[in-house]
PDB file of N, CA and C in Angstrom:
ATOM      1  N   MET A   1     -21.531  -2.412  45.504  1.00  0.00           N
ATOM      2  CA  MET A   1     -21.716  -3.209  44.690  1.00  0.00           C
ATOM      3  C   MET A   1     -20.136  -3.332  43.393  1.00  0.00           C
ATOM      4  N   THR A   2     -19.551  -4.192  43.129  1.00  0.00           N
ATOM      5  CA  THR A   2     -18.147  -3.901  42.803  1.00  0.00           C
ATOM      6  C   THR A   2     -18.673  -4.507  41.154  1.00  0.00           C
ATOM      7  N   ARG A   3     -17.964  -4.151  40.521  1.00  0.00           N
ATOM      8  CA  ARG A   3     -17.741  -4.197  39.159  1.00  0.00           C
ATOM      9  C   ARG A   3     -16.482  -5.138  39.061  1.00  0.00           C
ATOM     10  N   THR A   4     -17.074  -6.252  38.978  1.00  0.00           N
ATOM     11  CA  THR A   4     -15.838  -7.334  38.541  1.00  0.00           C
ATOM     12  C   THR A   4     -15.780  -8.213  36.950  1.00  0.00           C
ATOM     13  N   ALA A   5     -14.418  -8.521  36.751  1.00  0.00           N
ATOM     14  CA  ALA A   5     -14.220  -9.005  35.150  1.00  0.00           C
ATOM     15  C   ALA A   5     -13.802 -10.720  35.777  1.00  0.00           C
ATOM     16  N   ILE A   6     -14.653 -11.327  35.213  1.00  0.00           N
ATOM     17  CA  ILE A   6     -14.590 -12.974  35.281  1.00  0.00           C
ATOM     18  C   ILE A   6     -13.775 -13.227  34.412  1.00  0.00           C
ATOM     19  N   ILE A   7     -12.092 -13.759  34.487  1.00  0.00           N
ATOM     20  CA  ILE A   7     -10.839 -13.848  33.723  1.00  0.00           C
ATOM     21  C   ILE A   7     -10.964 -15.276  33.449  1.00  0.00           C
ATOM     22  N   GLU A   8     -11.003 -16.227  31.879  1.00  0.00           N
ATOM     23  CA  GLU A   8     -10.441 -17.388  32.167  1.00  0.00           C
ATOM     24  C   GLU A   8      -9.229 -17.184  31.296  1.00  0.00           C
ATOM     25  N   ASN A   9      -8.214 -17.905  31.388  1.00  0.00           N
ATOM     26  CA  ASN A   9      -6.996 -17.836  30.280  1.00  0.00           C
ATOM     27  C   ASN A   9      -6.590 -16.502  29.797  1.00  0.00           C
ATOM     28  N   GLY A  10      -7.000 -15.297  30.391  1.00  0.00           N
ATOM     29  CA  GLY A  10      -6.272 -14.492  30.283  1.00  0.00           C
ATOM     30  C   GLY A  10      -7.175 -13.612  29.543  1.00  0.00           C
ATOM     31  N   ILE A  11      -8.011 -13.986  28.886  1.00  0.00           N
ATOM     32  CA  ILE A  11      -9.569 -13.490  28.902  1.00  0.00           C
ATOM     33  C   ILE A  11     -10.826 -13.014  29.228  1.00  0.00           C
ATOM     34  N   VAL A  12     -10.999 -12.044  29.315  1.00  0.00           N
ATOM     35  CA  VAL A  12     -12.354 -11.455  30.063  1.00  0.00           C
ATOM     36  C   VAL A  12     -13.193 -12.270  29.614  1.00  0.00           C
ATOM     37  N   THR A  13     -14.284 -13.287  30.337  1.00  0.00           N
ATOM     38  CA  THR A  13     -15.362 -14.055  29.779  1.00  0.00           C
ATOM     39  C   THR A  13     -16.925 -12.991  30.277  1.00  0.00           C
ATOM     40  N   ASN A  14     -16.379 -12.454  31.086  1.00  0.00           N
ATOM     41  CA  ASN A  14     -17.742 -11.798  31.714  1.00  0.00           C
ATOM     42  C   ASN A  14     -17.827 -10.941  32.604  1.00  0.00           C
ATOM     43  N   VAL A  15     -18.441  -9.615  32.766  1.00  0.00           N
ATOM     44  CA  VAL A  15     -18.198  -9.174  33.785  1.00  0.00           C
ATOM     45  C   VAL A  15     -19.664  -8.601  34.872  1.00  0.00           C
ATOM     46  N   VAL A  16     -19.196  -8.475  35.496  1.00  0.00           N
ATOM     47  CA  VAL A  16     -20.569  -8.807  36.551  1.00  0.00           C
ATOM     48  C   VAL A  16     -20.852  -7.510  37.795  1.00  0.00           C
ATOM     49  N   MET A  17     -21.918  -7.353  38.687  1.00  0.00           N
ATOM     50  CA  MET A  17     -22.054  -6.417  39.529  1.00  0.00           C
ATOM     51  C   MET A  17     -22.371  -6.998  40.848  1.00  0.00           C
ATOM     52  N   HIS A  18     -21.723  -7.127  41.553  1.00  0.00           N
ATOM     53  CA  HIS A  18     -22.398  -8.261  42.643  1.00  0.00           C
ATOM     54  C   HIS A  18     -21.359  -7.712  43.913  1.00  0.00           C
ATOM     55  N   ASP A  19     -22.181  -7.688  45.476  1.00  0.00           N
ATOM     56  CA  ASP A  19     -22.021  -7.741  46.561  1.00  0.00           C
ATOM     57  C   ASP A  19     -21.110  -8.044  47.308  1.00  0.00           C
ATOM     58  N   PRO A  20     -19.635  -7.926  47.284  1.00  0.00           N
ATOM     59  CA  PRO A  20     -18.730  -8.663  47.783  1.00  0.00           C
ATOM     60  C   PRO A  20     -19.017  -9.141  49.468  1.00  0.00           C
ATOM     61  N   ASP A  21     -19.469  -8.880  49.811  1.00  0.00           N
ATOM     62  CA  ASP A  21     -19.865  -9.044  51.372  1.00  0.00           C
ATOM     63  C   ASP A  21     -21.415  -9.916  51.185  1.00  0.00           C
ATOM     64  N   GLY A  22     -21.993 -10.070  50.219  1.00  0.00           N
ATOM     65  CA  GLY A  22     -23.093 -10.969  49.815  1.00  0.00           C
ATOM     66  C   GLY A  22     -22.932 -12.210  49.896  1.00  0.00           C
ATOM     67  N   THR A  23     -23.869 -13.154  49.273  1.00  0.00           N
ATOM     68  CA  THR A  23     -23.877 -14.463  48.792  1.00  0.00           C
ATOM     69  C   THR A  23     -23.490 -14.743  47.763  1.00  0.00           C
ATOM     70  N   TRP A  24     -22.903 -14.031  46.996  1.00  0.00           N
ATOM     71  CA  TRP A  24     -21.992 -14.810  45.130  1.00  0.00           C
ATOM     72  C   TRP A  24     -21.089 -15.469  45.597  1.00  0.00           C
ATOM     73  N   ILE A  25     -21.327 -16.198  44.504  1.00  0.00           N
ATOM     74  CA  ILE A  25     -20.584 -17.708  44.871  1.00  0.00           C
ATOM     75  C   ILE A  25     -19.502 -17.381  43.295  1.00  0.00           C
ATOM     76  N   ARG A  26     -18.077 -17.558  43.782  1.00  0.00           N
ATOM     77  CA  ARG A  26     -16.888 -17.240  42.672  1.00  0.00           C
ATOM     78  C   ARG A  26     -17.206 -18.497  42.106  1.00  0.00           C
ATOM     79  N   PRO A  27     -17.257 -18.451  40.467  1.00  0.00           N
ATOM     80  CA  PRO A  27     -17.088 -19.413  39.444  1.00  0.00           C
ATOM     81  C   PRO A  27     -15.464 -19.773  39.837  1.00  0.00           C
ATOM     82  N   ASP A  28     -15.829 -21.573  39.799  1.00  0.00           N
ATOM     83  CA  ASP A  28     -14.383 -22.624  39.989  1.00  0.00           C
ATOM     84  C   ASP A  28     -13.770 -22.386  38.840  1.00  0.00           C
ATOM     85  N   GLY A  29     -12.261 -21.565  38.663  1.00  0.00           N
ATOM     86  CA  GLY A  29     -11.114 -21.956  37.905  1.00  0.00           C
ATOM     87  C   GLY A  29     -11.085 -21.065  37.230  1.00  0.00           C
ATOM     88  N   VAL A  30     -11.611 -19.450  37.686  1.00  0.00           N
ATOM     89  CA  VAL A  30     -11.419 -17.914  36.950  1.00  0.00           C
ATOM     90  C   VAL A  30     -10.483 -17.240  37.982  1.00  0.00           C
ATOM     91  N   ALA A  31     -10.225 -16.119  37.357  1.00  0.00           N
ATOM     92  CA  ALA A  31      -9.669 -15.162  38.187  1.00  0.00           C
ATOM     93  C   ALA A  31     -11.078 -13.912  38.012  1.00  0.00           C
ATOM     94  N   LEU A  32     -10.853 -13.124  39.349  1.00  0.00           N
ATOM     95  CA  LEU A  32     -11.738 -12.222  38.935  1.00  0.00           C
ATOM     96  C   LEU A  32     -10.632 -10.803  39.465  1.00  0.00           C
ATOM     97  N   VAL A  33     -11.058 -10.283  39.107  1.00  0.00           N
ATOM     98  CA  VAL A  33     -10.471  -8.602  39.330  1.00  0.00           C
ATOM     99  C   VAL A  33     -11.251  -7.489  38.801  1.00  0.00           C
ATOM    100  N   ALA A  34     -11.147  -6.764  39.691  1.00  0.00           N
ATOM    101  CA  ALA A  34     -12.430  -5.350  40.163  1.00  0.00           C
ATOM    102  C   ALA A  34     -12.396  -4.084  38.822  1.00  0.00           C
ATOM    103  N   SER A  35     -12.596  -3.911  38.030  1.00  0.00           N
ATOM    104  CA  SER A  35     -12.599  -2.770  37.135  1.00  0.00           C
ATOM    105  C   SER A  35     -13.980  -2.262  37.127  1.00  0.00           C
ATOM    106  N   GLU A  36     -13.620  -0.971  36.446  1.00  0.00           N
ATOM    107  CA  GLU A  36     -14.698  -0.152  36.074  1.00  0.00           C
ATOM    108  C   GLU A  36     -14.793  -0.140  34.611  1.00  0.00           C
ATOM    109  N   THR A  37     -13.981  -0.885  33.555  1.00  0.00           N
ATOM    110  CA  THR A  37     -13.296  -0.497  32.393  1.00  0.00           C
ATOM    111  C   THR A  37     -13.167  -1.617  31.574  1.00  0.00           C
ATOM    112  N   ALA A  38     -12.890  -3.023  32.044  1.00  0.00           N
ATOM    113  CA  ALA A  38     -12.468  -3.911  31.292  1.00  0.00           C
ATOM    114  C   ALA A  38     -14.110  -4.523  31.147  1.00  0.00           C
ATOM    115  N   GLY A  39     -14.052  -5.224  29.619  1.00  0.00           N
ATOM    116  CA  GLY A  39     -15.659  -5.785  28.935  1.00  0.00           C
ATOM    117  C   GLY A  39     -15.109  -7.236  28.175  1.00  0.00           C
ATOM    118  N   VAL A  40     -15.959  -7.599  28.186  1.00  0.00           N
ATOM    119  CA  VAL A  40     -15.758  -8.918  27.876  1.00  0.00           C
ATOM    120  C   VAL A  40     -14.874  -9.081  25.960  1.00  0.00           C
ATOM    121  N   GLY A  41     -14.078 -10.230  26.113  1.00  0.00           N
ATOM    122  CA  GLY A  41     -12.868 -10.249  25.167  1.00  0.00           C
ATOM    123  C   GLY A  41     -11.719  -9.388  25.613  1.00  0.00           C
ATOM    124  N   ASP A  42     -11.789  -8.570  26.577  1.00  0.00           N
ATOM    125  CA  ASP A  42     -10.399  -7.626  26.355  1.00  0.00           C
ATOM    126  C   ASP A  42      -9.880  -9.200  26.978  1.00  0.00           C
ATOM    127  N   GLY A  43      -8.048  -8.772  27.147  1.00  0.00           N
ATOM    128  CA  GLY A  43      -7.158  -9.369  27.455  1.00  0.00           C
ATOM    129  C   GLY A  43      -6.708  -9.036  28.945  1.00  0.00           C
ATOM    130  N   TRP A  44      -6.538  -9.988  29.774  1.00  0.00           N
ATOM    131  CA  TRP A  44      -5.565  -9.956  31.148  1.00  0.00           C
ATOM    132  C   TRP A  44      -4.161 -10.878  31.589  1.00  0.00           C
ATOM    133  N   ASP A  45      -3.036  -9.545  31.456  1.00  0.00           N
ATOM    134  CA  ASP A  45      -1.801  -9.967  31.515  1.00  0.00           C
ATOM    135  C   ASP A  45      -1.183 -10.328  32.560  1.00  0.00           C
ATOM    136  N   GLY A  46      -2.584  -9.858  33.720  1.00  0.00           N
ATOM    137  CA  GLY A  46      -1.961 -10.572  35.148  1.00  0.00           C
ATOM    138  C   GLY A  46      -1.478  -8.793  36.093  1.00  0.00           C
ATOM    139  N   VAL A  47      -1.923  -7.797  35.118  1.00  0.00           N
ATOM    140  CA  VAL A  47      -1.136  -6.503  35.740  1.00  0.00           C
ATOM    141  C   VAL A  47      -2.587  -5.424  35.341  1.00  0.00           C
ATOM    142  N   SER A  48      -2.351  -5.427  34.219  1.00  0.00           N
ATOM    143  CA  SER A  48      -3.362  -4.727  33.538  1.00  0.00           C
ATOM    144  C   SER A  48      -4.476  -4.954  32.154  1.00  0.00           C
ATOM    145  N   PHE A  49      -5.110  -4.722  31.868  1.00  0.00           N
ATOM    146  CA  PHE A  49      -6.094  -4.975  30.530  1.00  0.00           C
ATOM    147  C   PHE A  49      -5.782  -4.617  29.512  1.00  0.00           C
ATOM    148  N   THR A  50      -6.171  -4.909  28.419  1.00  0.00           N
ATOM    149  CA  THR A  50      -5.903  -4.470  26.745  1.00  0.00           C
ATOM    150  C   THR A  50      -6.896  -5.059  26.014  1.00  0.00           C
ATOM    151  N   PRO A  51      -7.834  -3.350  25.768  1.00  0.00           N
ATOM    152  CA  PRO A  51      -8.810  -3.964  24.950  1.00  0.00           C
ATOM    153  C   PRO A  51      -8.836  -4.843  23.884  1.00  0.00           C
ATOM    154  N   MET A  52      -9.601  -5.579  23.275  1.00  0.00           N
ATOM    155  CA  MET A  52      -9.609  -6.534  22.496  1.00  0.00           C
ATOM    156  C   MET A  52      -9.944  -6.034  21.008  1.00  0.00           C
ATOM    157  N   SER A  53      -9.222  -6.884  20.086  1.00  0.00           N
ATOM    158  CA  SER A  53      -9.026  -6.173  18.447  1.00  0.00           C
ATOM    159  C   SER A  53     -10.093  -6.235  18.373  1.00  0.00           C
ATOM    160  N   PRO A  54     -10.186  -5.734  17.533  1.00  0.00           N
ATOM    161  CA  PRO A  54     -12.016  -5.117  16.398  1.00  0.00           C
ATOM    162  C   PRO A  54     -12.337  -6.564  16.182  1.00  0.00           C
ATOM    163  N   ALA A  55     -13.285  -7.112  16.651  1.00  0.00           N
ATOM    164  CA  ALA A  55     -14.518  -8.198  16.294  1.00  0.00           C
ATOM    165  C   ALA A  55     -14.373  -8.802  15.119  1.00  0.00           C
ATOM    166  N   PRO A  56     -14.201 -10.486  14.504  1.00  0.00           N
ATOM    167  CA  PRO A  56     -14.261 -10.412  13.389  1.00  0.00           C
ATOM    168  C   PRO A  56     -15.414  -9.841  12.504  1.00  0.00           C
ATOM    169  N   SER A  57     -16.455  -9.454  12.921  1.00  0.00           N
ATOM    170  CA  SER A  57     -17.541  -8.671  12.146  1.00  0.00           C
ATOM    171  C   SER A  57     -16.745  -7.651  11.461  1.00  0.00           C
ATOM    172  N   THR A  58     -16.384  -6.902  12.263  1.00  0.00           N
ATOM    173  CA  THR A  58     -15.580  -5.717  12.210  1.00  0.00           C
ATOM    174  C   THR A  58     -14.555  -5.546  10.953  1.00  0.00           C
ATOM    175  N   ALA A  59     -13.969  -6.482  11.226  1.00  0.00           N
ATOM    176  CA  ALA A  59     -12.864  -7.340  10.132  1.00  0.00           C
ATOM    177  C   ALA A  59     -13.435  -6.844   9.147  1.00  0.00           C
ATOM    178  N   ARG A  60     -14.782  -8.065   9.066  1.00  0.00           N
ATOM    179  CA  ARG A  60     -14.905  -8.500   7.868  1.00  0.00           C
ATOM    180  C   ARG A  60     -16.181  -7.001   7.066  1.00  0.00           C
ATOM    181  N   ALA A  61     -16.455  -6.016   7.829  1.00  0.00           N
ATOM    182  CA  ALA A  61     -17.109  -5.257   7.541  1.00  0.00           C
ATOM    183  C   ALA A  61     -16.398  -4.041   6.694  1.00  0.00           C
ATOM    184  N   ASN A  62     -14.811  -3.894   7.015  1.00  0.00           N
ATOM    185  CA  ASN A  62     -13.815  -3.418   6.826  1.00  0.00           C
ATOM    186  C   ASN A  62     -13.253  -3.611   5.743  1.00  0.00           C
ATOM    187  N   ASP A  63     -13.469  -5.398   5.328  1.00  0.00           N
ATOM    188  CA  ASP A  63     -13.008  -5.917   4.263  1.00  0.00           C
ATOM    189  C   ASP A  63     -13.602  -5.435   3.084  1.00  0.00           C
ATOM    190  N   MET A  64     -15.154  -5.728   3.325  1.00  0.00           N
ATOM    191  CA  MET A  64     -16.174  -5.047   2.232  1.00  0.00           C
ATOM    192  C   MET A  64     -16.222  -3.583   1.947  1.00  0.00           C
ATOM    193  N   ILE A  65     -15.581  -3.255   2.815  1.00  0.00           N
ATOM    194  CA  ILE A  65     -15.696  -1.588   2.538  1.00  0.00           C
ATOM    195  C   ILE A  65     -14.471  -1.394   1.540  1.00  0.00           C
ATOM    196  N   LEU A  66     -13.563  -1.870   2.038  1.00  0.00           N
ATOM    197  CA  LEU A  66     -12.221  -1.623   1.208  1.00  0.00           C
ATOM    198  C   LEU A  66     -12.471  -2.258  -0.055  1.00  0.00           C
ATOM    199  N   ALA A  67     -13.260  -3.201  -0.328  1.00  0.00           N
ATOM    200  CA  ALA A  67     -13.159  -4.352  -1.720  1.00  0.00           C
ATOM    201  C   ALA A  67     -14.173  -3.069  -2.277  1.00  0.00           C
ATOM    202  N   GLU A  68     -15.496  -2.322  -1.270  1.00  0.00           N
ATOM    203  CA  GLU A  68     -15.891  -1.356  -2.465  1.00  0.00           C
ATOM    204  C   GLU A  68     -15.375  -0.307  -2.879  1.00  0.00           C
ATOM    205  N   LEU A  69     -14.640  -0.023  -2.218  1.00  0.00           N
ATOM    206  CA  LEU A  69     -13.713   1.298  -2.613  1.00  0.00           C
ATOM    207  C   LEU A  69     -12.634   1.225  -3.804  1.00  0.00           C
ATOM    208  N   GLY A  70     -11.904  -0.343  -3.986  1.00  0.00           N
ATOM    209  CA  GLY A  70     -11.290  -0.668  -4.448  1.00  0.00           C
ATOM    210  C   GLY A  70     -11.937  -0.555  -6.099  1.00  0.00           C
ATOM    211  N   ALA A  71     -13.507  -1.307  -5.846  1.00  0.00           N
ATOM    212  CA  ALA A  71     -14.100  -1.019  -6.859  1.00  0.00           C
ATOM    213  C   ALA A  71     -14.462   0.632  -7.559  1.00  0.00           C
ATOM    214  N   ILE A  72     -14.494   1.407  -6.511  1.00  0.00           N
ATOM    215  CA  ILE A  72     -14.814   2.581  -6.845  1.00  0.00           C
ATOM    216  C   ILE A  72     -13.487   3.443  -7.923  1.00  0.00           C
ATOM    217  N   ASP A  73     -12.653   3.006  -7.179  1.00  0.00           N
ATOM    218  CA  ASP A  73     -11.293   3.509  -7.701  1.00  0.00           C
ATOM    219  C   ASP A  73     -11.277   2.614  -9.332  1.00  0.00           C
ATOM    220  N   ALA A  74     -11.796   1.925  -9.400  1.00  0.00           N
ATOM    221  CA  ALA A  74     -11.648   0.965 -10.798  1.00  0.00           C
ATOM    222  C   ALA A  74     -12.750   1.721 -11.764  1.00  0.00           C
ATOM    223  N   LYS A  75     -13.802   1.880 -11.047  1.00  0.00           N
ATOM    224  CA  LYS A  75     -14.684   3.052 -11.891  1.00  0.00           C
ATOM    225  C   LYS A  75     -14.513   4.500 -12.243  1.00  0.00           C
ATOM    226  N   SER A  76     -13.766   5.138 -11.423  1.00  0.00           N
ATOM    227  CA  SER A  76     -13.434   6.281 -11.563  1.00  0.00           C
ATOM    228  C   SER A  76     -12.482   6.140 -12.313  1.00  0.00           C
ATOM    229  N   ILE A  77     -11.489   5.601 -13.427  1.00  0.00           N
ATOM    230  CA  ILE A  77     -10.357   5.746 -14.413  1.00  0.00           C
ATOM    231  C   ILE A  77     -11.386   6.274 -15.498  1.00  0.00           C
ATOM    232  N   ARG A  78     -12.200   5.574 -16.104  1.00  0.00           N
ATOM    233  CA  ARG A  78     -12.634   6.119 -17.504  1.00  0.00           C
ATOM    234  C   ARG A  78     -12.958   7.282 -17.475  1.00  0.00           C
ATOM    235  N   PRO A  79     -13.923   8.162 -16.431  1.00  0.00           N
ATOM    236  CA  PRO A  79     -14.470   9.568 -16.786  1.00  0.00           C
ATOM    237  C   PRO A  79     -13.305  10.540 -16.182  1.00  0.00           C
ATOM    238  N   LEU A  80     -12.304   9.884 -15.304  1.00  0.00           N
ATOM    239  CA  LEU A  80     -11.473  10.679 -15.267  1.00  0.00           C
ATOM    240  C   LEU A  80     -10.090  11.104 -16.125  1.00  0.00           C
ATOM    241  N   ARG A  81     -10.080   9.757 -17.377  1.00  0.00           N
ATOM    242  CA  ARG A  81      -9.379  10.166 -18.480  1.00  0.00           C
ATOM    243  C   ARG A  81      -9.962  10.829 -19.180  1.00  0.00           C
ATOM    244  N   ALA A  82     -11.356  10.907 -19.539  1.00  0.00           N
ATOM    245  CA  ALA A  82     -12.270  11.333 -20.239  1.00  0.00           C
ATOM    246  C   ALA A  82     -12.210  12.983 -20.118  1.00  0.00           C
ATOM    247  N   ILE A  83     -12.016  12.933 -18.804  1.00  0.00           N
ATOM    248  CA  ILE A  83     -11.890  14.943 -18.201  1.00  0.00           C
ATOM    249  C   ILE A  83     -10.442  14.914 -18.260  1.00  0.00           C
ATOM    250  N   LEU A  84      -9.669  14.263 -18.169  1.00  0.00           N
ATOM    251  CA  LEU A  84      -8.306  15.003 -18.327  1.00  0.00           C
ATOM    252  C   LEU A  84      -7.970  15.120 -20.222  1.00  0.00           C
ATOM    253  N   ALA A  85      -8.385  14.506 -20.625  1.00  0.00           N
ATOM    254  CA  ALA A  85      -8.155  14.368 -22.495  1.00  0.00           C
ATOM    255  C   ALA A  85      -9.253  15.160 -22.759  1.00  0.00           C
ATOM    256  N   ALA A  86     -10.290  16.184 -21.890  1.00  0.00           N
ATOM    257  CA  ALA A  86     -11.033  17.473 -22.576  1.00  0.00           C
ATOM    258  C   ALA A  86     -10.586  18.425 -22.268  1.00  0.00           C
ATOM    259  N   GLN A  87     -10.004  18.277 -20.923  1.00  0.00           N
ATOM    260  CA  GLN A  87      -8.692  19.439 -20.093  1.00  0.00           C
ATOM    261  C   GLN A  87      -7.574  19.908 -21.281  1.00  0.00           C
ATOM    262  N   ALA A  88      -6.955  18.651 -21.794  1.00  0.00           N
ATOM    263  CA  ALA A  88      -5.448  18.544 -22.546  1.00  0.00           C
ATOM    264  C   ALA A  88      -6.008  19.464 -23.681  1.00  0.00           C
ATOM    265  N   ALA A  89      -7.123  19.259 -24.270  1.00  0.00           N
ATOM    266  CA  ALA A  89      -7.614  19.584 -25.580  1.00  0.00           C
ATOM    267  C   ALA A  89      -8.291  21.331 -25.552  1.00  0.00           C
ATOM    268  N   GLY A  90      -8.495  21.561 -24.215  1.00  0.00           N
ATOM    269  CA  GLY A  90      -8.950  22.907 -24.093  1.00  0.00           C
ATOM    270  C   GLY A  90     -10.251  22.923 -24.271  1.00  0.00           C
ATOM    271  N   VAL A  91     -10.810  21.805 -23.993  1.00  0.00           N
ATOM    272  CA  VAL A  91     -12.171  21.803 -24.151  1.00  0.00           C
ATOM    273  C   VAL A  91     -13.512  21.533 -22.439  1.00  0.00           C
ATOM    274  N   ALA A  92     -14.300  21.859 -22.829  1.00  0.00           N
ATOM    275  CA  ALA A  92     -15.027  21.878 -21.388  1.00  0.00           C
ATOM    276  C   ALA A  92     -15.386  20.179 -21.307  1.00  0.00           C
ATOM    277  N   PRO A  93     -14.791  19.278 -20.304  1.00  0.00           N
ATOM    278  CA  PRO A  93     -15.383  18.054 -20.049  1.00  0.00           C
ATOM    279  C   PRO A  93     -16.574  17.732 -20.131  1.00  0.00           C
ATOM    280  N   ASP A  94     -17.496  16.673 -20.669  1.00  0.00           N
ATOM    281  CA  ASP A  94     -18.630  16.172 -20.643  1.00  0.00           C
ATOM    282  C   ASP A  94     -19.477  15.807 -18.788  1.00  0.00           C
ATOM    283  N   PRO A  95     -19.910  16.845 -18.903  1.00  0.00           N
ATOM    284  CA  PRO A  95     -21.150  17.255 -17.775  1.00  0.00           C
ATOM    285  C   PRO A  95     -21.045  15.899 -17.155  1.00  0.00           C
ATOM    286  N   THR A  96     -21.476  14.608 -17.943  1.00  0.00           N
ATOM    287  CA  THR A  96     -21.910  13.404 -17.193  1.00  0.00           C
ATOM    288  C   THR A  96     -20.803  12.484 -17.016  1.00  0.00           C
ATOM    289  N   ASP A  97     -19.463  13.135 -17.532  1.00  0.00           N
ATOM    290  CA  ASP A  97     -18.281  12.394 -16.774  1.00  0.00           C
ATOM    291  C   ASP A  97     -17.906  13.287 -15.294  1.00  0.00           C
ATOM    292  N   VAL A  98     -17.776  14.429 -15.288  1.00  0.00           N
ATOM    293  CA  VAL A  98     -17.928  14.995 -13.712  1.00  0.00           C
ATOM    294  C   VAL A  98     -18.880  14.972 -13.259  1.00  0.00           C
ATOM    295  N   ALA A  99     -20.186  14.340 -13.337  1.00  0.00           N
ATOM    296  CA  ALA A  99     -20.893  14.108 -12.053  1.00  0.00           C
ATOM    297  C   ALA A  99     -20.836  12.712 -11.615  1.00  0.00           C
ATOM    298  N   TYR A 100     -20.548  11.855 -12.535  1.00  0.00           N
ATOM    299  CA  TYR A 100     -20.184  10.501 -12.526  1.00  0.00           C
ATOM    300  C   TYR A 100     -19.365  10.496 -11.446  1.00  0.00           C
ATOM    301  N   LEU A 101     -18.298  11.224 -11.646  1.00  0.00           N
ATOM    302  CA  LEU A 101     -17.010  11.205 -11.001  1.00  0.00           C
ATOM    303  C   LEU A 101     -16.961  11.369  -9.562  1.00  0.00           C
ATOM    304  N   ALA A 102     -18.231  12.896  -9.502  1.00  0.00           N
ATOM    305  CA  ALA A 102     -18.302  13.477  -8.315  1.00  0.00           C
ATOM    306  C   ALA A 102     -19.269  12.584  -7.199  1.00  0.00           C
ATOM    307  N   GLY A 103     -20.174  11.522  -7.936  1.00  0.00           N
ATOM    308  CA  GLY A 103     -20.943  11.125  -7.081  1.00  0.00           C
ATOM    309  C   GLY A 103     -20.069   9.354  -6.773  1.00  0.00           C
ATOM    310  N   LEU A 104     -19.559   9.044  -7.453  1.00  0.00           N
ATOM    311  CA  LEU A 104     -17.881   8.169  -7.128  1.00  0.00           C
ATOM    312  C   LEU A 104     -17.141   8.810  -5.837  1.00  0.00           C
ATOM    313  N   LYS A 105     -16.469   9.673  -6.062  1.00  0.00           N
ATOM    314  CA  LYS A 105     -16.121  10.436  -4.872  1.00  0.00           C
ATOM    315  C   LYS A 105     -17.009  10.637  -3.424  1.00  0.00           C
ATOM    316  N   SER A 106     -18.039  11.400  -4.115  1.00  0.00           N
ATOM    317  CA  SER A 106     -18.810  11.028  -2.325  1.00  0.00           C
ATOM    318  C   SER A 106     -19.553   9.720  -1.940  1.00  0.00           C
ATOM    319  N   ARG A 107     -19.435   8.665  -2.551  1.00  0.00           N
ATOM    320  CA  ARG A 107     -19.391   7.528  -1.968  1.00  0.00           C
ATOM    321  C   ARG A 107     -18.364   7.039  -1.105  1.00  0.00           C
ATOM    322  N   ALA A 108     -17.271   7.554  -2.085  1.00  0.00           N
ATOM    323  CA  ALA A 108     -15.690   6.611  -1.414  1.00  0.00           C
ATOM    324  C   ALA A 108     -15.737   7.277  -0.302  1.00  0.00           C
ATOM    325  N   ASP A 109     -16.299   9.099  -0.203  1.00  0.00           N
ATOM    326  CA  ASP A 109     -16.005   9.341   1.178  1.00  0.00           C
ATOM    327  C   ASP A 109     -16.975   9.055   2.228  1.00  0.00           C
ATOM    328  N   ALA A 110     -18.070   8.208   1.741  1.00  0.00           N
ATOM    329  CA  ALA A 110     -18.932   7.843   3.199  1.00  0.00           C
ATOM    330  C   ALA A 110     -18.485   6.717   3.801  1.00  0.00           C
ATOM    331  N   LEU A 111     -17.927   6.211   2.227  1.00  0.00           N
ATOM    332  CA  LEU A 111     -17.087   4.791   2.823  1.00  0.00           C
ATOM    333  C   LEU A 111     -16.007   4.916   4.031  1.00  0.00           C
ATOM    334  N   ARG A 112     -15.376   5.961   3.644  1.00  0.00           N
ATOM    335  CA  ARG A 112     -13.891   5.788   4.435  1.00  0.00           C
ATOM    336  C   ARG A 112     -14.091   6.233   5.631  1.00  0.00           C
ATOM    337  N   SER A 113     -15.225   7.100   5.701  1.00  0.00           N
ATOM    338  CA  SER A 113     -16.105   7.275   7.185  1.00  0.00           C
ATOM    339  C   SER A 113     -16.417   6.448   8.276  1.00  0.00           C
ATOM    340  N   SER A 114     -16.881   5.702   7.171  1.00  0.00           N
ATOM    341  CA  SER A 114     -17.442   4.306   7.919  1.00  0.00           C
ATOM    342  C   SER A 114     -16.911   3.421   8.542  1.00  0.00           C
ATOM    343  N   LEU A 115     -14.717   3.471   7.811  1.00  0.00           N
ATOM    344  CA  LEU A 115     -14.418   2.623   8.592  1.00  0.00           C
ATOM    345  C   LEU A 115     -14.075   2.519   9.858  1.00  0.00           C
ATOM    346  N   ALA A 116     -13.846   1.431   9.920  1.00  0.00           N
ATOM    347  CA  ALA A 116     -13.602   0.719  11.843  1.00  0.00           C
ATOM    348  C   ALA A 116     -12.125   1.125  11.889  1.00  0.00           C
ATOM    349  N   THR A 117     -11.720   1.270  13.152  1.00  0.00           N
ATOM    350  CA  THR A 117      -9.898   0.799  13.384  1.00  0.00           C
ATOM    351  C   THR A 117      -9.862   0.627  14.605  1.00  0.00           C
TER     352      THR A 117
END
């Protein structure tokens, strides 16, 4: 069995396993390239495969994560300002501000780790 990429207009449109000596019929108007690594959506320049860029859904998910990170930054300003003011005055910051800021940081760290590259 041979793993073969079916290529149309420089893009892998399918990957199939077939017996090269069997009765498999090659589709018309496509290029076939044996490959163990090519995937649907990858590019083909006639010499090598290029992995596809992130799927639109991945890009959309990243956009949503980045927007939420921006909102977290905005929400961090007030408690951070209060904590800094307390420190400058030589008093302990309000524990509510400290806990709120810690929660925002935890959420931001989790979001950053889920960003797709």
